[in-house]
Amino acid sequence: MTHYFSLNDYCRKEFGKKLYKLSLDGAMTCPNRDGTVGTGGCIFCSEEGSGEFSEKCCGDINTQIENAKKRVAHKNKNGGYIAYFQSFTNTYAPVEYLRKIFTEAINHPDIDVLSVATRPDCLGDDVIELLKELNKIKPVWIELGFQTSKEESAVFIRRGYTNDVFVNAVKKLKTAGIKTVAHIIAGLPGESYEDIENSVKFVCVSGIWGIKIHLLHVLKGTDLEKLYNDNKFSCPDMDEYLDYICRLIQIIPEDIVIHRLTGDGDKKKLIAPLWSGDKKRVLNTLARKMDENKIIQGIFHNK
């Protein structure tokens, strides 16, 4: 038997309830877009900077939170909320501005956790000190878009930093008492299953608390779309990808919280793989494959 610790398990254990993410826009850009590191962004990143499902910036964080709550109201049954700054790089701004928007979010009475998506090269000492202060109010999670440990792939996707930058950022955050979530993309052009497995192993020994595994989505308007249309690579089919996931779960230590095993892109922009748009079918198939592989969710429920 293989057990795994899901985000839902963690939230019910720590908070006594399910937590729903409220995707927010902090009105920032990215050093990989404004010329500091690069100008084109990562090859898979859309114009929204992975924030297709975020509430649009309106100049007031509390208003964004209330609008986002309305989006999930139909499925929230006595659950709580995570304020998730998702679009672009959410520590890429003066620390005074970050203090303002993060403090507004974390002090909202309905927010249980502040989660911030960013890059490991955008975590200066002043930013980490701010996050450390906020973490004393409510839990703060930092989500780092790592994607791959294969340095050649990192250059190809224009990530803009080397693996050691990620490792050092995780160490600094852990020293500050802040939980870190690493993002991995499965299906990058030119990568084998072994490459994906190596990336998972790499982040798991770095000191992370949680992991997200994303399916590579080809979205309209990205450089990745051009490569796909030119037949430079292909996306895995559903069975292949979910077989990958079942194998990866078995190498992730049971104390690392698994935040995501797949994902669905914006259907208006999705070029490939189209099967990922049928979320119910994907999740049902994954559940069947996990059962076949004797993978059980919720190891800590019995402790």
Protein backbone atom coordinates (compact mmCIF):
# COMPACT_ATOMS: atom_id res chain seq x y z
CA MET A 1 0.00 0.00 0.00
CA THR A 2 1.12 3.57 -0.72
CA HIS A 3 -0.43 6.41 1.25
CA TYR A 4 -0.37 10.06 0.33
CA PHE A 5 -1.16 13.22 2.22
CA SER A 6 -3.47 15.51 0.22
CA LEU A 7 -4.06 19.20 0.80
CA ASN A 8 -7.64 18.44 1.85
CA ASP A 9 -6.32 15.98 4.44
CA TYR A 10 -3.92 18.59 5.76
CA CYS A 11 -6.55 21.34 5.98
CA ARG A 12 -9.06 19.13 7.78
CA LYS A 13 -6.34 18.04 10.20
CA GLU A 14 -4.97 21.54 10.89
CA PHE A 15 -8.07 23.72 10.49
CA GLY A 16 -10.89 21.25 11.02
CA LYS A 17 -12.43 22.11 7.65
CA LYS A 18 -11.89 22.19 3.90
CA LEU A 19 -10.25 25.36 2.58
CA TYR A 20 -11.07 26.90 -0.79
CA LYS A 21 -8.57 28.96 -2.76
CA LEU A 22 -9.56 32.49 -3.70
CA SER A 23 -7.34 33.42 -6.65
CA LEU A 24 -6.29 37.06 -6.44
CA ASP A 25 -4.40 39.51 -8.65
CA GLY A 26 -1.76 41.64 -6.94
CA ALA A 27 -1.23 43.81 -10.04
CA MET A 28 2.39 42.77 -10.51
CA THR A 29 4.40 41.60 -13.50
CA CYS A 30 7.42 39.31 -13.72
CA PRO A 31 11.18 39.86 -14.12
CA ASN A 32 10.99 37.35 -16.95
CA ARG A 33 8.75 39.78 -18.84
CA ASP A 34 9.95 43.30 -18.08
CA GLY A 35 13.54 42.80 -19.22
CA THR A 36 15.15 42.22 -15.83
CA VAL A 37 15.61 38.51 -16.56
CA GLY A 38 13.88 38.20 -19.94
CA THR A 39 11.14 39.68 -22.07
CA GLY A 40 9.06 36.81 -23.35
CA GLY A 41 8.17 35.07 -20.12
CA CYS A 42 8.26 31.27 -19.82
CA ILE A 43 7.23 29.62 -23.08
CA PHE A 44 4.06 28.12 -21.56
CA CYS A 45 2.88 31.23 -19.72
CA SER A 46 -0.21 33.06 -20.97
CA GLU A 47 -0.86 36.79 -21.07
CA GLU A 48 -2.49 36.51 -17.64
CA GLY A 49 0.62 34.99 -16.09
CA SER A 50 -1.18 31.80 -15.02
CA GLY A 51 -3.95 33.90 -13.51
CA GLU A 52 -6.81 33.00 -15.85
CA PHE A 53 -9.04 32.13 -12.91
CA SER A 54 -8.04 35.06 -10.70
CA GLU A 55 -10.30 37.91 -9.77
CA LYS A 56 -9.25 40.95 -11.75
CA CYS A 57 -7.37 43.66 -9.90
CA CYS A 58 -9.73 46.39 -8.78
CA GLY A 59 -7.51 48.38 -6.45
CA ASP A 60 -8.96 46.83 -3.30
CA ILE A 61 -7.97 43.40 -1.98
CA ASN A 62 -11.04 43.02 0.24
CA THR A 63 -13.31 43.58 -2.77
CA GLN A 64 -11.37 40.95 -4.73
CA ILE A 65 -11.78 38.52 -1.85
CA GLU A 66 -15.53 39.09 -1.67
CA ASN A 67 -15.88 38.67 -5.43
CA ALA A 68 -13.83 35.47 -5.34
CA LYS A 69 -15.95 34.10 -2.49
CA LYS A 70 -19.01 34.43 -4.71
CA ARG A 71 -17.35 32.19 -7.30
CA VAL A 72 -17.04 29.28 -4.89
CA ALA A 73 -20.13 29.94 -2.76
CA HIS A 74 -22.09 27.16 -4.48
CA LYS A 75 -19.63 24.47 -3.34
CA ASN A 76 -18.42 25.82 -0.01
CA LYS A 77 -20.17 23.95 2.79
CA ASN A 78 -18.86 25.53 6.01
CA GLY A 79 -15.32 25.66 4.64
CA GLY A 80 -12.66 28.32 4.98
CA TYR A 81 -10.55 30.27 2.51
CA ILE A 82 -7.00 30.65 1.27
CA ALA A 83 -6.08 34.07 -0.13
CA TYR A 84 -4.00 32.96 -3.13
CA PHE A 85 -2.03 35.63 -4.98
CA GLN A 86 -1.65 33.76 -8.25
CA SER A 87 -1.10 36.00 -11.27
CA PHE A 88 2.50 36.59 -12.35
CA THR A 89 5.22 37.00 -9.66
CA ASN A 90 3.67 38.10 -6.39
CA THR A 91 6.75 39.27 -4.52
CA TYR A 92 8.01 41.36 -7.44
CA ALA A 93 7.22 44.77 -5.99
CA PRO A 94 8.49 47.13 -3.28
CA VAL A 95 8.10 45.59 0.16
CA GLU A 96 5.87 48.50 1.28
CA TYR A 97 3.34 47.60 -1.41
CA LEU A 98 3.54 43.90 -0.55
CA ARG A 99 2.98 44.72 3.11
CA LYS A 100 -0.17 46.65 2.23
CA ILE A 101 -1.88 44.05 0.05
CA PHE A 102 -0.78 40.99 2.02
CA THR A 103 -1.81 42.55 5.33
CA GLU A 104 -5.24 43.40 3.94
CA ALA A 105 -5.68 39.83 2.77
CA ILE A 106 -4.41 38.06 5.87
CA ASN A 107 -6.48 40.25 8.20
CA HIS A 108 -9.74 39.54 6.35
CA PRO A 109 -11.89 37.65 8.89
CA ASP A 110 -12.74 34.82 6.48
CA ILE A 111 -9.15 34.12 5.40
CA ASP A 112 -7.37 31.22 7.09
CA VAL A 113 -4.15 31.15 5.02
CA LEU A 114 -2.15 33.54 2.84
CA SER A 115 -0.61 31.78 -0.16
CA VAL A 116 1.76 33.62 -2.50
CA ALA A 117 2.93 32.36 -5.89
CA THR A 118 6.33 33.71 -6.87
CA ARG A 119 9.82 32.97 -8.20
CA PRO A 120 12.75 31.93 -6.01
CA ASP A 121 14.83 34.80 -7.41
CA CYS A 122 12.30 37.34 -6.12
CA LEU A 123 12.66 36.67 -2.40
CA GLY A 124 14.97 39.29 -0.96
CA ASP A 125 15.74 39.40 2.75
CA ASP A 126 13.25 42.25 3.26
CA VAL A 127 10.49 40.22 1.61
CA ILE A 128 11.25 37.14 3.68
CA GLU A 129 11.23 39.26 6.85
CA LEU A 130 7.78 40.56 5.87
CA LEU A 131 6.51 37.04 5.23
CA LYS A 132 7.91 35.96 8.59
CA GLU A 133 5.96 38.76 10.31
CA LEU A 134 2.74 37.85 8.50
CA ASN A 135 3.23 34.19 9.35
CA LYS A 136 2.78 35.13 13.01
CA ILE A 137 -0.73 36.39 12.22
CA LYS A 138 -1.91 33.45 10.10
CA PRO A 139 -0.11 30.73 8.14
CA VAL A 140 1.79 31.88 5.06
CA TRP A 141 2.59 29.49 2.21
CA ILE A 142 4.99 30.35 -0.61
CA GLU A 143 4.49 28.61 -3.95
CA LEU A 144 7.56 28.47 -6.19
CA GLY A 145 7.31 27.78 -9.91
CA PHE A 146 10.25 25.40 -10.28
CA GLN A 147 8.85 23.19 -13.09
CA THR A 148 11.94 21.02 -13.73
CA SER A 149 15.35 20.11 -12.31
CA LYS A 150 16.72 19.38 -15.78
CA GLU A 151 18.83 22.46 -16.42
CA GLU A 152 18.58 22.07 -20.21
CA SER A 153 14.79 22.14 -19.95
CA ALA A 154 14.93 25.16 -17.65
CA VAL A 155 16.87 27.05 -20.32
CA PHE A 156 14.52 25.84 -23.05
CA ILE A 157 11.39 27.03 -21.23
CA ARG A 158 13.17 30.33 -20.36
CA ARG A 159 12.77 29.88 -16.62
CA GLY A 160 15.53 32.37 -15.98
CA TYR A 161 17.30 30.91 -12.95
CA THR A 162 19.36 27.86 -12.03
CA ASN A 163 18.46 25.06 -9.64
CA ASP A 164 20.67 26.39 -6.85
CA VAL A 165 18.56 29.56 -6.68
CA PHE A 166 15.52 27.42 -5.88
CA VAL A 167 17.40 25.38 -3.26
CA ASN A 168 18.69 28.51 -1.51
CA ALA A 169 15.23 30.11 -1.50
CA VAL A 170 13.66 27.04 0.09
CA LYS A 171 16.36 27.02 2.78
CA LYS A 172 15.80 30.70 3.60
CA LEU A 173 12.03 30.26 3.77
CA LYS A 174 12.32 27.16 5.94
CA THR A 175 14.66 28.99 8.32
CA ALA A 176 12.03 31.73 8.55
CA GLY A 177 9.39 29.12 9.43
CA ILE A 178 7.47 29.51 6.17
CA LYS A 179 6.01 26.53 4.32
CA THR A 180 7.08 26.16 0.69
CA VAL A 181 5.20 24.48 -2.16
CA ALA A 182 7.14 23.47 -5.31
CA HIS A 183 5.46 23.40 -8.72
CA ILE A 184 6.50 20.69 -11.20
CA ILE A 185 5.29 20.44 -14.80
CA ALA A 186 4.92 16.97 -16.28
CA GLY A 187 5.13 16.74 -20.07
CA LEU A 188 7.65 19.44 -20.96
CA PRO A 189 9.06 19.06 -24.50
CA GLY A 190 11.96 16.63 -24.62
CA GLU A 191 11.47 15.28 -21.10
CA SER A 192 11.07 11.60 -20.30
CA TYR A 193 9.32 10.09 -17.30
CA GLU A 194 12.75 9.71 -15.69
CA ASP A 195 13.30 13.47 -16.06
CA ILE A 196 9.98 14.19 -14.33
CA GLU A 197 10.82 11.69 -11.59
CA ASN A 198 14.21 13.34 -11.07
CA SER A 199 12.52 16.73 -10.70
CA VAL A 200 10.14 15.36 -8.07
CA LYS A 201 13.00 13.72 -6.18
CA PHE A 202 15.02 16.93 -6.39
CA VAL A 203 12.38 19.12 -4.76
CA CYS A 204 11.44 16.48 -2.19
CA VAL A 205 14.94 16.56 -0.68
CA SER A 206 15.19 20.36 -0.81
CA GLY A 207 13.11 20.98 2.30
CA ILE A 208 9.73 21.71 0.73
CA TRP A 209 6.50 21.19 2.65
CA GLY A 210 4.18 20.69 -0.33
CA ILE A 211 4.22 19.85 -4.02
CA LYS A 212 2.02 20.60 -7.03
CA ILE A 213 2.28 18.50 -10.16
CA HIS A 214 0.86 20.24 -13.21
CA LEU A 215 -0.01 18.78 -16.57
CA LEU A 216 1.59 20.84 -19.34
CA HIS A 217 -1.11 22.87 -21.06
CA VAL A 218 -0.65 24.39 -24.49
CA LEU A 219 -2.51 27.69 -24.46
CA LYS A 220 -3.36 30.11 -27.25
CA GLY A 221 -0.97 32.99 -27.66
CA THR A 222 2.04 31.31 -26.06
CA ASP A 223 5.35 30.40 -27.65
CA LEU A 224 4.58 26.82 -26.68
CA GLU A 225 1.59 26.94 -29.05
CA LYS A 226 3.92 27.73 -31.95
CA LEU A 227 6.12 24.75 -31.12
CA TYR A 228 3.08 22.49 -30.83
CA ASN A 229 1.62 23.66 -34.14
CA ASP A 230 4.99 23.00 -35.79
CA ASN A 231 4.90 19.41 -34.44
CA LYS A 232 8.01 19.97 -32.32
CA PHE A 233 6.53 17.93 -29.46
CA SER A 234 3.39 16.07 -28.45
CA CYS A 235 1.39 15.95 -25.22
CA PRO A 236 0.86 12.70 -23.30
CA ASP A 237 -2.52 11.04 -23.61
CA MET A 238 -4.65 10.74 -20.48
CA ASP A 239 -3.71 7.17 -19.57
CA GLU A 240 -0.01 7.89 -20.01
CA TYR A 241 -0.13 10.99 -17.84
CA LEU A 242 -2.17 9.37 -15.08
CA ASP A 243 0.17 6.37 -15.08
CA TYR A 244 2.98 8.88 -14.54
CA ILE A 245 1.08 10.35 -11.60
CA CYS A 246 0.56 7.00 -9.91
CA ARG A 247 4.26 6.26 -10.22
CA LEU A 248 5.24 9.70 -8.90
CA ILE A 249 3.00 9.45 -5.84
CA GLN A 250 4.92 6.37 -4.81
CA ILE A 251 8.23 8.29 -4.61
CA ILE A 252 6.89 11.35 -2.76
CA PRO A 253 7.55 11.10 0.99
CA GLU A 254 4.33 10.64 2.94
CA ASP A 255 4.90 13.77 5.04
CA ILE A 256 4.96 16.07 1.98
CA VAL A 257 1.53 17.54 1.27
CA ILE A 258 0.35 16.94 -2.30
CA HIS A 259 -1.57 20.03 -3.37
CA ARG A 260 -2.31 18.98 -6.93
CA LEU A 261 -1.89 15.99 -9.23
CA THR A 262 -3.28 17.46 -12.43
CA GLY A 263 -5.07 20.59 -13.57
CA ASP A 264 -7.44 22.02 -16.13
CA GLY A 265 -6.56 25.07 -18.20
CA ASP A 266 -8.86 27.80 -19.46
CA LYS A 267 -11.02 26.00 -22.02
CA LYS A 268 -11.25 29.16 -24.13
CA LYS A 269 -7.48 29.09 -24.61
CA LEU A 270 -6.71 25.37 -24.40
CA ILE A 271 -5.01 23.95 -27.49
CA ALA A 272 -3.79 20.66 -26.02
CA PRO A 273 -4.24 18.19 -24.50
CA LEU A 274 -7.98 18.52 -25.02
CA TRP A 275 -8.74 15.54 -22.77
CA SER A 276 -7.69 17.66 -19.78
CA GLY A 277 -10.81 19.78 -20.24
CA ASP A 278 -13.02 16.89 -19.08
CA LYS A 279 -12.15 17.23 -15.40
CA LYS A 280 -14.70 14.72 -14.13
CA ARG A 281 -13.46 11.99 -16.48
CA VAL A 282 -9.83 12.70 -15.59
CA LEU A 283 -10.47 12.52 -11.84
CA ASN A 284 -12.59 9.38 -12.13
CA THR A 285 -9.90 7.66 -14.20
CA LEU A 286 -7.20 8.74 -11.76
CA ALA A 287 -9.21 7.34 -8.85
CA ARG A 288 -9.53 4.00 -10.65
CA LYS A 289 -5.82 3.85 -11.44
CA MET A 290 -4.92 4.73 -7.85
CA ASP A 291 -7.12 1.93 -6.64
CA GLU A 292 -5.43 -0.49 -9.04
CA ASN A 293 -2.02 0.63 -7.74
CA LYS A 294 -3.15 0.37 -4.09
CA ILE A 295 -2.64 4.08 -3.48
CA ILE A 296 -4.65 5.37 -0.52
CA GLN A 297 -5.32 8.99 0.41
CA GLY A 298 -5.40 10.15 4.00
CA ILE A 299 -2.58 8.47 5.90
CA PHE A 300 -2.85 10.91 8.80
CA HIS A 301 -6.57 10.40 9.36
CA ASN A 302 -5.75 7.31 11.41
CA LYS A 303 -3.10 8.97 13.55
